[in-house]
C-alpha atoms as a PDB file:
ATOM      1  CA  UNK A   1       0.036  21.321  -7.795  1.00  0.00           C
ATOM      2  CA  UNK A   2      -1.262  20.041 -11.134  1.00  0.00           C
ATOM      3  CA  UNK A   3       1.722  17.694 -11.268  1.00  0.00           C
ATOM      4  CA  UNK A   4       1.154  16.537  -7.680  1.00  0.00           C
ATOM      5  CA  UNK A   5      -2.305  15.110  -8.329  1.00  0.00           C
ATOM      6  CA  UNK A   6      -2.656  11.607  -9.772  1.00  0.00           C
ATOM      7  CA  UNK A   7      -6.154  10.909 -11.023  1.00  0.00           C
ATOM      8  CA  UNK A   8      -7.651   7.466 -10.543  1.00  0.00           C
ATOM      9  CA  UNK A   9      -8.565   7.308 -14.220  1.00  0.00           C
ATOM     10  CA  UNK A  10      -4.972   8.125 -15.237  1.00  0.00           C
ATOM     11  CA  UNK A  11      -3.324   5.295 -13.281  1.00  0.00           C
ATOM     12  CA  UNK A  12      -1.033   3.226 -15.501  1.00  0.00           C
ATOM     13  CA  UNK A  13      -0.848  -0.476 -14.610  1.00  0.00           C
ATOM     14  CA  UNK A  14       2.018  -2.909 -14.959  1.00  0.00           C
ATOM     15  CA  UNK A  15       1.133  -6.587 -15.413  1.00  0.00           C
ATOM     16  CA  UNK A  16       4.718  -7.832 -15.117  1.00  0.00           C
ATOM     17  CA  UNK A  17       5.691  -6.080 -11.880  1.00  0.00           C
ATOM     18  CA  UNK A  18       6.589  -9.131  -9.797  1.00  0.00           C
ATOM     19  CA  UNK A  19       8.035 -12.596  -9.941  1.00  0.00           C
ATOM     20  CA  UNK A  20       4.635 -14.321  -9.907  1.00  0.00           C
ATOM     21  CA  UNK A  21       3.420 -12.507 -13.048  1.00  0.00           C
ATOM     22  CA  UNK A  22       3.249 -15.823 -14.986  1.00  0.00           C
ATOM     23  CA  UNK A  23       2.181 -18.071 -12.099  1.00  0.00           C
ATOM     24  CA  UNK A  24      -1.391 -19.352 -12.574  1.00  0.00           C
ATOM     25  CA  UNK A  25      -3.740 -17.682 -10.110  1.00  0.00           C
ATOM     26  CA  UNK A  26      -1.525 -14.602  -9.892  1.00  0.00           C
ATOM     27  CA  UNK A  27      -0.983 -13.789 -13.550  1.00  0.00           C
ATOM     28  CA  UNK A  28      -3.803 -11.237 -13.885  1.00  0.00           C
ATOM     29  CA  UNK A  29      -2.511  -8.786 -11.287  1.00  0.00           C
ATOM     30  CA  UNK A  30      -1.976  -5.137 -12.092  1.00  0.00           C
ATOM     31  CA  UNK A  31       0.482  -3.060 -10.060  1.00  0.00           C
ATOM     32  CA  UNK A  32       0.374   0.718  -9.793  1.00  0.00           C
ATOM     33  CA  UNK A  33       3.241   2.870  -8.540  1.00  0.00           C
ATOM     34  CA  UNK A  34       1.824   6.272  -7.632  1.00  0.00           C
ATOM     35  CA  UNK A  35       4.404   8.011  -5.415  1.00  0.00           C
ATOM     36  CA  UNK A  36       7.975   6.704  -5.266  1.00  0.00           C
ATOM     37  CA  UNK A  37       9.535   3.752  -7.042  1.00  0.00           C
ATOM     38  CA  UNK A  38       7.803   1.202  -4.832  1.00  0.00           C
ATOM     39  CA  UNK A  39       8.987  -2.391  -4.889  1.00  0.00           C
ATOM     40  CA  UNK A  40       8.248  -3.346  -8.493  1.00  0.00           C
ATOM     41  CA  UNK A  41      10.801  -5.735 -10.014  1.00  0.00           C
ATOM     42  CA  UNK A  42      10.014  -4.780 -13.613  1.00  0.00           C
ATOM     43  CA  UNK A  43      11.520  -2.115 -15.850  1.00  0.00           C
ATOM     44  CA  UNK A  44       8.045  -1.765 -17.400  1.00  0.00           C
ATOM     45  CA  UNK A  45       6.601  -0.208 -14.223  1.00  0.00           C
ATOM     46  CA  UNK A  46       5.382   3.368 -14.686  1.00  0.00           C
ATOM     47  CA  UNK A  47       6.034   5.729 -11.755  1.00  0.00           C
ATOM     48  CA  UNK A  48       3.632   8.677 -11.575  1.00  0.00           C
ATOM     49  CA  UNK A  49       5.463  10.847  -8.970  1.00  0.00           C
ATOM     50  CA  UNK A  50       9.087   9.939  -8.272  1.00  0.00           C
ATOM     51  CA  UNK A  51       9.771  12.271  -5.331  1.00  0.00           C
ATOM     52  CA  UNK A  52       9.075  10.507  -2.050  1.00  0.00           C
ATOM     53  CA  UNK A  53       7.847  12.020   1.240  1.00  0.00           C
ATOM     54  CA  UNK A  54       9.461   9.348   3.423  1.00  0.00           C
ATOM     55  CA  UNK A  55       7.037   6.685   2.224  1.00  0.00           C
ATOM     56  CA  UNK A  56       5.663   5.264  -1.036  1.00  0.00           C
ATOM     57  CA  UNK A  57       2.094   5.057  -2.336  1.00  0.00           C
ATOM     58  CA  UNK A  58       1.007   2.277  -4.660  1.00  0.00           C
ATOM     59  CA  UNK A  59      -1.978   0.132  -5.529  1.00  0.00           C
ATOM     60  CA  UNK A  60      -2.874  -3.370  -6.647  1.00  0.00           C
ATOM     61  CA  UNK A  61      -5.737  -4.209  -8.979  1.00  0.00           C
ATOM     62  CA  UNK A  62      -6.973  -7.761  -9.351  1.00  0.00           C
ATOM     63  CA  UNK A  63      -9.975  -9.552 -10.857  1.00  0.00           C
ATOM     64  CA  UNK A  64     -11.946 -12.026  -8.731  1.00  0.00           C
ATOM     65  CA  UNK A  65     -10.026 -15.089  -7.485  1.00  0.00           C
ATOM     66  CA  UNK A  66      -6.652 -13.533  -8.361  1.00  0.00           C
ATOM     67  CA  UNK A  67      -4.116 -13.573  -5.542  1.00  0.00           C
ATOM     68  CA  UNK A  68      -0.818 -11.947  -4.651  1.00  0.00           C
ATOM     69  CA  UNK A  69       1.822 -14.448  -3.556  1.00  0.00           C
ATOM     70  CA  UNK A  70       3.371 -14.760  -0.103  1.00  0.00           C
ATOM     71  CA  UNK A  71       6.057 -12.171   0.582  1.00  0.00           C
ATOM     72  CA  UNK A  72       7.442  -9.948   3.311  1.00  0.00           C
ATOM     73  CA  UNK A  73       8.799  -6.415   3.722  1.00  0.00           C
ATOM     74  CA  UNK A  74      11.468  -4.784   5.870  1.00  0.00           C
ATOM     75  CA  UNK A  75       9.302  -1.705   6.483  1.00  0.00           C
ATOM     76  CA  UNK A  76       5.620  -1.025   7.037  1.00  0.00           C
ATOM     77  CA  UNK A  77       3.024  -2.150   4.505  1.00  0.00           C
ATOM     78  CA  UNK A  78      -0.426  -0.652   5.022  1.00  0.00           C
ATOM     79  CA  UNK A  79      -3.390  -1.432   2.772  1.00  0.00           C
ATOM     80  CA  UNK A  80      -6.838   0.050   2.549  1.00  0.00           C
ATOM     81  CA  UNK A  81      -9.549  -1.442   0.372  1.00  0.00           C
ATOM     82  CA  UNK A  82     -10.728   1.050  -2.215  1.00  0.00           C
ATOM     83  CA  UNK A  83     -12.908  -1.331  -4.227  1.00  0.00           C
ATOM     84  CA  UNK A  84     -14.062  -4.878  -3.640  1.00  0.00           C
ATOM     85  CA  UNK A  85     -13.766  -7.521  -0.955  1.00  0.00           C
ATOM     86  CA  UNK A  86     -10.366  -8.929  -0.074  1.00  0.00           C
ATOM     87  CA  UNK A  87      -8.904 -11.757   1.977  1.00  0.00           C
ATOM     88  CA  UNK A  88      -5.505 -11.181   3.556  1.00  0.00           C
ATOM     89  CA  UNK A  89      -3.576 -14.196   4.825  1.00  0.00           C
ATOM     90  CA  UNK A  90      -0.174 -14.699   6.423  1.00  0.00           C
ATOM     91  CA  UNK A  91       2.414 -17.212   7.585  1.00  0.00           C
ATOM     92  CA  UNK A  92       5.075 -19.357   5.904  1.00  0.00           C
ATOM     93  CA  UNK A  93       2.407 -21.176   3.887  1.00  0.00           C
ATOM     94  CA  UNK A  94      -0.369 -18.608   4.308  1.00  0.00           C
ATOM     95  CA  UNK A  95      -2.113 -20.669   6.974  1.00  0.00           C
ATOM     96  CA  UNK A  96      -1.178 -18.849  10.219  1.00  0.00           C
ATOM     97  CA  UNK A  97      -4.171 -16.523   9.985  1.00  0.00           C
ATOM     98  CA  UNK A  98      -6.471 -14.557   7.711  1.00  0.00           C
ATOM     99  CA  UNK A  99      -8.885 -11.628   7.768  1.00  0.00           C
ATOM    100  CA  UNK A 100     -11.476 -10.366   5.276  1.00  0.00           C
ATOM    101  CA  UNK A 101     -11.592  -6.626   4.566  1.00  0.00           C
ATOM    102  CA  UNK A 102     -14.417  -4.645   2.998  1.00  0.00           C
ATOM    103  CA  UNK A 103     -14.304  -1.269   1.232  1.00  0.00           C
ATOM    104  CA  UNK A 104     -12.756   1.420   3.416  1.00  0.00           C
ATOM    105  CA  UNK A 105     -11.151  -1.015   5.880  1.00  0.00           C
ATOM    106  CA  UNK A 106      -7.422  -0.622   6.599  1.00  0.00           C
ATOM    107  CA  UNK A 107      -4.757  -3.178   7.547  1.00  0.00           C
ATOM    108  CA  UNK A 108      -1.315  -2.335   8.940  1.00  0.00           C
ATOM    109  CA  UNK A 109       0.473  -5.638   8.296  1.00  0.00           C
ATOM    110  CA  UNK A 110       3.282  -6.219  10.829  1.00  0.00           C
ATOM    111  CA  UNK A 111       6.758  -6.449   9.333  1.00  0.00           C
ATOM    112  CA  UNK A 112       8.588  -9.741   9.446  1.00  0.00           C
ATOM    113  CA  UNK A 113       5.716 -12.046   8.501  1.00  0.00           C
ATOM    114  CA  UNK A 114       4.898 -13.517   5.114  1.00  0.00           C
ATOM    115  CA  UNK A 115       1.643 -12.146   3.741  1.00  0.00           C
ATOM    116  CA  UNK A 116      -0.535 -12.430   0.659  1.00  0.00           C
ATOM    117  CA  UNK A 117      -3.958 -11.286  -0.457  1.00  0.00           C
ATOM    118  CA  UNK A 118      -6.672 -12.161  -2.934  1.00  0.00           C
ATOM    119  CA  UNK A 119      -9.779 -10.567  -4.366  1.00  0.00           C
ATOM    120  CA  UNK A 120     -12.737 -12.609  -3.100  1.00  0.00           C
ATOM    121  CA  UNK A 121     -15.352 -10.225  -4.473  1.00  0.00           C
ATOM    122  CA  UNK A 122     -17.361 -10.501  -7.675  1.00  0.00           C
ATOM    123  CA  UNK A 123     -15.781  -7.578  -9.576  1.00  0.00           C
ATOM    124  CA  UNK A 124     -12.360  -6.115 -10.271  1.00  0.00           C
ATOM    125  CA  UNK A 125     -10.963  -4.768  -6.991  1.00  0.00           C
ATOM    126  CA  UNK A 126      -8.391  -2.169  -5.970  1.00  0.00           C
ATOM    127  CA  UNK A 127      -6.375  -1.881  -2.771  1.00  0.00           C
ATOM    128  CA  UNK A 128      -4.211   1.143  -2.021  1.00  0.00           C
ATOM    129  CA  UNK A 129      -0.857   0.643  -0.329  1.00  0.00           C
ATOM    130  CA  UNK A 130       1.481   2.747   1.830  1.00  0.00           C
ATOM    131  CA  UNK A 131       5.053   1.430   2.093  1.00  0.00           C
ATOM    132  CA  UNK A 132       7.465   2.813   4.680  1.00  0.00           C
ATOM    133  CA  UNK A 133      10.739   4.450   3.662  1.00  0.00           C
ATOM    134  CA  UNK A 134      11.853   6.368   0.590  1.00  0.00           C
ATOM    135  CA  UNK A 135      13.099   3.090  -0.882  1.00  0.00           C
ATOM    136  CA  UNK A 136       9.999   1.166   0.310  1.00  0.00           C
ATOM    137  CA  UNK A 137      12.210  -1.150   2.341  1.00  0.00           C
ATOM    138  CA  UNK A 138      14.539  -2.018  -0.500  1.00  0.00           C
ATOM    139  CA  UNK A 139      12.380  -4.623  -2.213  1.00  0.00           C
ATOM    140  CA  UNK A 140      10.329  -7.751  -1.593  1.00  0.00           C
ATOM    141  CA  UNK A 141      11.336 -10.865   0.340  1.00  0.00           C
ATOM    142  CA  UNK A 142       9.594 -13.825  -1.309  1.00  0.00           C
ATOM    143  CA  UNK A 143       8.651 -17.110   0.302  1.00  0.00           C
ATOM    144  CA  UNK A 144      10.876 -19.831  -1.248  1.00  0.00           C
ATOM    145  CA  UNK A 145       8.012 -21.641  -2.976  1.00  0.00           C
ATOM    146  CA  UNK A 146       7.043 -18.447  -4.823  1.00  0.00           C
ATOM    147  CA  UNK A 147      10.481 -18.190  -6.411  1.00  0.00           C
ATOM    148  CA  UNK A 148      10.429 -21.879  -7.331  1.00  0.00           C
ATOM    149  CA  UNK A 149       6.943 -21.693  -8.854  1.00  0.00           C
ATOM    150  CA  UNK A 150       7.893 -18.605 -10.851  1.00  0.00           C
ATOM    151  CA  UNK A 151      10.988 -20.319 -12.239  1.00  0.00           C
ATOM    152  CA  UNK A 152       8.793 -23.176 -13.474  1.00  0.00           C
ATOM    153  CA  UNK A 153       6.766 -20.605 -15.424  1.00  0.00           C
ATOM    154  CA  UNK A 154       9.701 -18.766 -16.982  1.00  0.00           C
ATOM    155  CA  UNK A 155      10.489 -15.902 -14.606  1.00  0.00           C
ATOM    156  CA  UNK A 156      13.825 -15.688 -12.800  1.00  0.00           C
ATOM    157  CA  UNK A 157      14.571 -13.061 -10.163  1.00  0.00           C
ATOM    158  CA  UNK A 158      18.193 -11.949 -10.041  1.00  0.00           C
ATOM    159  CA  UNK A 159      20.037 -11.178  -6.834  1.00  0.00           C
ATOM    160  CA  UNK A 160      19.892  -7.553  -7.998  1.00  0.00           C
ATOM    161  CA  UNK A 161      16.090  -7.619  -7.666  1.00  0.00           C
ATOM    162  CA  UNK A 162      15.483  -7.481 -11.427  1.00  0.00           C
ATOM    163  CA  UNK A 163      13.237  -9.930 -13.276  1.00  0.00           C
ATOM    164  CA  UNK A 164      14.267 -11.924 -16.355  1.00  0.00           C
ATOM    165  CA  UNK A 165      11.748 -13.736 -18.574  1.00  0.00           C
ATOM    166  CA  UNK A 166      13.217 -16.911 -20.046  1.00  0.00           C
ATOM    167  CA  UNK A 167      10.142 -17.274 -22.273  1.00  0.00           C
ATOM    168  CA  UNK A 168      11.342 -14.134 -24.054  1.00  0.00           C
ATOM    169  CA  UNK A 169      14.865 -15.484 -24.334  1.00  0.00           C
ATOM    170  CA  UNK A 170      16.201 -13.339 -21.498  1.00  0.00           C
ATOM    171  CA  UNK A 171      19.050 -14.670 -19.387  1.00  0.00           C
ATOM    172  CA  UNK A 172      20.843 -13.396 -16.313  1.00  0.00           C
ATOM    173  CA  UNK A 173      23.873 -11.236 -17.159  1.00  0.00           C
ATOM    174  CA  UNK A 174      27.277 -12.782 -16.678  1.00  0.00           C
ATOM    175  CA  UNK A 175      28.294 -12.717 -13.032  1.00  0.00           C
ATOM    176  CA  UNK A 176      24.745 -12.146 -11.775  1.00  0.00           C
ATOM    177  CA  UNK A 177      23.218 -14.992  -9.782  1.00  0.00           C
ATOM    178  CA  UNK A 178      19.561 -15.846  -9.157  1.00  0.00           C
ATOM    179  CA  UNK A 179      18.018 -14.559  -5.946  1.00  0.00           C
ATOM    180  CA  UNK A 180      18.931 -17.162  -3.302  1.00  0.00           C
ATOM    181  CA  UNK A 181      16.131 -18.971  -1.497  1.00  0.00           C
ATOM    182  CA  UNK A 182      15.794 -18.306   2.206  1.00  0.00           C
ATOM    183  CA  UNK A 183      17.403 -21.077   4.230  1.00  0.00           C
ATOM    184  CA  UNK A 184      15.580 -23.067   6.904  1.00  0.00           C
ATOM    185  CA  UNK A 185      17.509 -21.096   9.511  1.00  0.00           C
ATOM    186  CA  UNK A 186      16.530 -17.769   7.951  1.00  0.00           C
ATOM    187  CA  UNK A 187      12.880 -18.851   7.740  1.00  0.00           C
ATOM    188  CA  UNK A 188      12.819 -19.191  11.519  1.00  0.00           C
ATOM    189  CA  UNK A 189      12.936 -15.388  11.650  1.00  0.00           C
ATOM    190  CA  UNK A 190       9.490 -15.129  10.021  1.00  0.00           C
ATOM    191  CA  UNK A 191       6.947 -15.915  12.764  1.00  0.00           C
ATOM    192  CA  UNK A 192       3.617 -17.705  12.427  1.00  0.00           C
ATOM    193  CA  UNK A 193       1.738 -14.866  14.130  1.00  0.00           C
ATOM    194  CA  UNK A 194      -1.711 -15.954  15.380  1.00  0.00           C
ATOM    195  CA  UNK A 195      -4.895 -14.133  14.394  1.00  0.00           C
ATOM    196  CA  UNK A 196      -5.445 -12.922  17.960  1.00  0.00           C
ATOM    197  CA  UNK A 197      -2.221 -10.906  17.813  1.00  0.00           C
ATOM    198  CA  UNK A 198      -2.934  -9.375  14.416  1.00  0.00           C
ATOM    199  CA  UNK A 199      -6.610  -8.539  13.881  1.00  0.00           C
ATOM    200  CA  UNK A 200      -7.337  -6.717  17.192  1.00  0.00           C
ATOM    201  CA  UNK A 201      -4.172  -4.601  16.917  1.00  0.00           C
ATOM    202  CA  UNK A 202      -3.680  -3.920  13.223  1.00  0.00           C
ATOM    203  CA  UNK A 203      -7.083  -3.786  11.500  1.00  0.00           C
ATOM    204  CA  UNK A 204      -9.320  -0.697  11.319  1.00  0.00           C
ATOM    205  CA  UNK A 205     -12.905  -0.948  10.104  1.00  0.00           C
ATOM    206  CA  UNK A 206     -14.486   1.729   7.914  1.00  0.00           C
ATOM    207  CA  UNK A 207     -17.643   2.175   9.974  1.00  0.00           C
ATOM    208  CA  UNK A 208     -15.613   2.587  13.160  1.00  0.00           C
ATOM    209  CA  UNK A 209     -13.422   5.218  11.517  1.00  0.00           C
ATOM    210  CA  UNK A 210     -16.484   7.076  10.232  1.00  0.00           C
ATOM    211  CA  UNK A 211     -17.833   7.231  13.786  1.00  0.00           C
ATOM    212  CA  UNK A 212     -14.507   8.411  15.206  1.00  0.00           C
ATOM    213  CA  UNK A 213     -14.190  11.123  12.523  1.00  0.00           C
ATOM    214  CA  UNK A 214     -17.648  12.601  13.053  1.00  0.00           C
ATOM    215  CA  UNK A 215     -16.278  15.792  14.662  1.00  0.00           C
ATOM    216  CA  UNK A 216     -12.499  15.734  14.103  1.00  0.00           C
ATOM    217  CA  UNK A 217      -9.885  13.750  12.169  1.00  0.00           C
ATOM    218  CA  UNK A 218      -9.551  10.205  13.493  1.00  0.00           C
ATOM    219  CA  UNK A 219      -5.977   9.092  14.153  1.00  0.00           C
ATOM    220  CA  UNK A 220      -5.836   5.675  12.506  1.00  0.00           C
ATOM    221  CA  UNK A 221      -2.109   4.832  12.696  1.00  0.00           C
ATOM    222  CA  UNK A 222       0.278   6.593  15.054  1.00  0.00           C
ATOM    223  CA  UNK A 223       2.438   6.209  18.131  1.00  0.00           C
ATOM    224  CA  UNK A 224       0.362   8.217  20.591  1.00  0.00           C
ATOM    225  CA  UNK A 225      -2.347   7.027  22.917  1.00  0.00           C
ATOM    226  CA  UNK A 226      -5.732   7.145  21.244  1.00  0.00           C
ATOM    227  CA  UNK A 227      -4.584   5.986  17.821  1.00  0.00           C
ATOM    228  CA  UNK A 228      -6.807   3.228  16.488  1.00  0.00           C
ATOM    229  CA  UNK A 229      -3.677   1.283  15.486  1.00  0.00           C
ATOM    230  CA  UNK A 230      -0.611   2.071  17.584  1.00  0.00           C
ATOM    231  CA  UNK A 231       2.474   1.429  15.496  1.00  0.00           C
ATOM    232  CA  UNK A 232       5.759   3.102  14.597  1.00  0.00           C
ATOM    233  CA  UNK A 233       5.765   3.049  10.816  1.00  0.00           C
ATOM    234  CA  UNK A 234       7.626   6.223   9.812  1.00  0.00           C
ATOM    235  CA  UNK A 235       4.319   7.826   8.825  1.00  0.00           C
ATOM    236  CA  UNK A 236       0.958   8.535  10.426  1.00  0.00           C
ATOM    237  CA  UNK A 237      -2.491   8.021   8.960  1.00  0.00           C
ATOM    238  CA  UNK A 238      -5.647   9.993   9.711  1.00  0.00           C
ATOM    239  CA  UNK A 239      -9.189   9.443   8.480  1.00  0.00           C
ATOM    240  CA  UNK A 240     -11.405  12.392   7.529  1.00  0.00           C
ATOM    241  CA  UNK A 241     -15.174  12.438   7.027  1.00  0.00           C
ATOM    242  CA  UNK A 242     -17.555  15.248   6.116  1.00  0.00           C
ATOM    243  CA  UNK A 243     -17.411  17.159   9.424  1.00  0.00           C
ATOM    244  CA  UNK A 244     -13.849  16.325  10.446  1.00  0.00           C
ATOM    245  CA  UNK A 245     -12.265  19.679   9.606  1.00  0.00           C
ATOM    246  CA  UNK A 246     -13.348  23.262   8.972  1.00  0.00           C
ATOM    247  CA  UNK A 247     -12.977  25.172   5.728  1.00  0.00           C
ATOM    248  CA  UNK A 248     -10.187  27.305   7.219  1.00  0.00           C
ATOM    249  CA  UNK A 249      -6.777  27.018   5.515  1.00  0.00           C
ATOM    250  CA  UNK A 250      -4.052  25.176   7.402  1.00  0.00           C
ATOM    251  CA  UNK A 251      -0.434  24.243   6.764  1.00  0.00           C
ATOM    252  CA  UNK A 252       1.972  21.717   8.264  1.00  0.00           C
ATOM    253  CA  UNK A 253       5.730  21.332   8.072  1.00  0.00           C
ATOM    254  CA  UNK A 254       5.288  17.761   6.829  1.00  0.00           C
ATOM    255  CA  UNK A 255       4.528  16.129   3.537  1.00  0.00           C
ATOM    256  CA  UNK A 256       0.822  15.369   3.327  1.00  0.00           C
ATOM    257  CA  UNK A 257      -0.664  12.821   0.956  1.00  0.00           C
ATOM    258  CA  UNK A 258      -4.421  12.703   0.440  1.00  0.00           C
ATOM    259  CA  UNK A 259      -6.055   9.429  -0.630  1.00  0.00           C
ATOM    260  CA  UNK A 260      -9.708   9.969  -1.495  1.00  0.00           C
ATOM    261  CA  UNK A 261     -11.950   7.024  -0.737  1.00  0.00           C
ATOM    262  CA  UNK A 262     -15.475   8.409  -1.109  1.00  0.00           C
ATOM    263  CA  UNK A 263     -17.082  11.621  -2.275  1.00  0.00           C
ATOM    264  CA  UNK A 264     -15.522  14.676  -3.899  1.00  0.00           C
ATOM    265  CA  UNK A 265     -13.237  17.014  -1.956  1.00  0.00           C
ATOM    266  CA  UNK A 266     -12.302  20.573  -2.899  1.00  0.00           C
ATOM    267  CA  UNK A 267      -8.628  21.334  -2.292  1.00  0.00           C
ATOM    268  CA  UNK A 268      -7.889  25.078  -2.292  1.00  0.00           C
ATOM    269  CA  UNK A 269      -4.562  26.902  -2.017  1.00  0.00           C
ATOM    270  CA  UNK A 270      -3.299  30.381  -2.835  1.00  0.00           C
ATOM    271  CA  UNK A 271      -3.690  30.699  -6.578  1.00  0.00           C
ATOM    272  CA  UNK A 272      -5.767  27.651  -7.319  1.00  0.00           C
ATOM    273  CA  UNK A 273      -8.174  24.892  -6.450  1.00  0.00           C
ATOM    274  CA  UNK A 274      -8.964  21.379  -7.639  1.00  0.00           C
ATOM    275  CA  UNK A 275     -11.677  18.854  -6.881  1.00  0.00           C
ATOM    276  CA  UNK A 276     -10.373  15.432  -5.879  1.00  0.00           C
ATOM    277  CA  UNK A 277     -12.515  12.417  -6.768  1.00  0.00           C
ATOM    278  CA  UNK A 278     -12.599   8.857  -5.362  1.00  0.00           C
ATOM    279  CA  UNK A 279      -9.337   7.060  -6.059  1.00  0.00           C
ATOM    280  CA  UNK A 280      -7.362  10.264  -6.634  1.00  0.00           C
ATOM    281  CA  UNK A 281      -4.031  10.829  -4.856  1.00  0.00           C
ATOM    282  CA  UNK A 282      -2.605  14.257  -4.046  1.00  0.00           C
ATOM    283  CA  UNK A 283       0.828  15.071  -2.610  1.00  0.00           C
ATOM    284  CA  UNK A 284       0.643  18.401  -0.743  1.00  0.00           C
ATOM    285  CA  UNK A 285       4.125  19.881  -0.143  1.00  0.00           C
ATOM    286  CA  UNK A 286       5.259  21.028   3.340  1.00  0.00           C
ATOM    287  CA  UNK A 287       4.351  24.585   4.273  1.00  0.00           C
ATOM    288  CA  UNK A 288       1.599  25.080   1.694  1.00  0.00           C
ATOM    289  CA  UNK A 289      -1.494  26.693   3.213  1.00  0.00           C
ATOM    290  CA  UNK A 290      -4.537  24.853   1.931  1.00  0.00           C
ATOM    291  CA  UNK A 291      -8.109  23.965   2.817  1.00  0.00           C
ATOM    292  CA  UNK A 292      -9.962  20.742   2.255  1.00  0.00           C
ATOM    293  CA  UNK A 293     -13.756  20.350   2.287  1.00  0.00           C
ATOM    294  CA  UNK A 294     -16.317  18.061   0.638  1.00  0.00           C
ATOM    295  CA  UNK A 295     -17.561  19.695  -2.561  1.00  0.00           C
ATOM    296  CA  UNK A 296     -20.811  17.730  -2.928  1.00  0.00           C
ATOM    297  CA  UNK A 297     -23.477  16.281  -0.668  1.00  0.00           C
ATOM    298  CA  UNK A 298     -23.365  12.636   0.272  1.00  0.00           C
ATOM    299  CA  UNK A 299     -20.853  10.403   2.001  1.00  0.00           C
ATOM    300  CA  UNK A 300     -17.272  11.684   2.007  1.00  0.00           C
ATOM    301  CA  UNK A 301     -14.130   9.999   3.327  1.00  0.00           C
ATOM    302  CA  UNK A 302     -10.395  10.199   2.750  1.00  0.00           C
ATOM    303  CA  UNK A 303      -7.122   9.104   4.331  1.00  0.00           C
ATOM    304  CA  UNK A 304      -4.484  11.732   5.150  1.00  0.00           C
ATOM    305  CA  UNK A 305      -0.897  10.458   5.422  1.00  0.00           C
ATOM    306  CA  UNK A 306       2.050  12.442   6.820  1.00  0.00           C
ATOM    307  CA  UNK A 307       5.685  11.566   7.350  1.00  0.00           C
ATOM    308  CA  UNK A 308       7.112  11.469  10.893  1.00  0.00           C
ATOM    309  CA  UNK A 309      10.567  11.688  12.455  1.00  0.00           C
ATOM    310  CA  UNK A 310      10.636   7.928  13.022  1.00  0.00           C
ATOM    311  CA  UNK A 311      12.988   6.064  10.746  1.00  0.00           C
ATOM    312  CA  UNK A 312      11.441   3.453   8.477  1.00  0.00           C
ATOM    313  CA  UNK A 313      12.187  -0.072   9.611  1.00  0.00           C
ATOM    314  CA  UNK A 314      10.615  -2.907  11.542  1.00  0.00           C
ATOM    315  CA  UNK A 315       7.285  -1.729  12.923  1.00  0.00           C
ATOM    316  CA  UNK A 316       6.103  -2.024  16.545  1.00  0.00           C
ATOM    317  CA  UNK A 317       5.549   0.443  19.382  1.00  0.00           C
END
């Protein structure tokens, strides 16, 4: 279990994870790969836990006014705001819609649309990410202008998904071509989804989840009736507050990943216990009997993620 806990203070960032690492306005991003290889395009990316539970866990850290460029995924991409204030935007040019999320809010971004995000707060911010599938969807699909802008600043993405920095004298290997730009015909497959179809269905607010979790775990993302966000992502997300569960041990036949948002939580299992702090991630293996309770007074909240039998792929009920 020691090796299945990643402490917030031990997270190792990569500043060259993606194609826009040199593009002004995006060149101060830090990418964290916590569970699974994620979608990083850089060999410099550190992976904390390589074994995947059917999904990947990562994070993005950005200073104020830093943005992540428009891209898309083939599987689910779910964010929750751990620190700061963030604006998420979507569409071919990022103008189809936008929503502002505060700390604790969660956003299940529909597959098949271009999306980006920026820190609009006053301090360094962190968002945690859940990506569907063991391979996190096989990589990132970039809007054409992102690839073109990156090339102007020295970064070339190969068709293999690997980055090459021409400023460092790197060139594509013989026989390897640059990643092709999406054609006009292919771009028609990425809809300009209006705000009214996204925000009411795919955004969960922290205060609402706290109210729903006052007596039992709140189902945030799932396929059943009653889930705050009904979607088929290949994983399910629950929200736990102080009085959501008892101190009795429980076990499930699924992988269970704990993402601590607020407070300190005591995780106990046969032979040991650890206290999880805000920002910590813990991967509990299937079948392990364990208990989970707040270890201190004050506000306490965490997200609990489990794999499902649904295959990772395009989301939608």
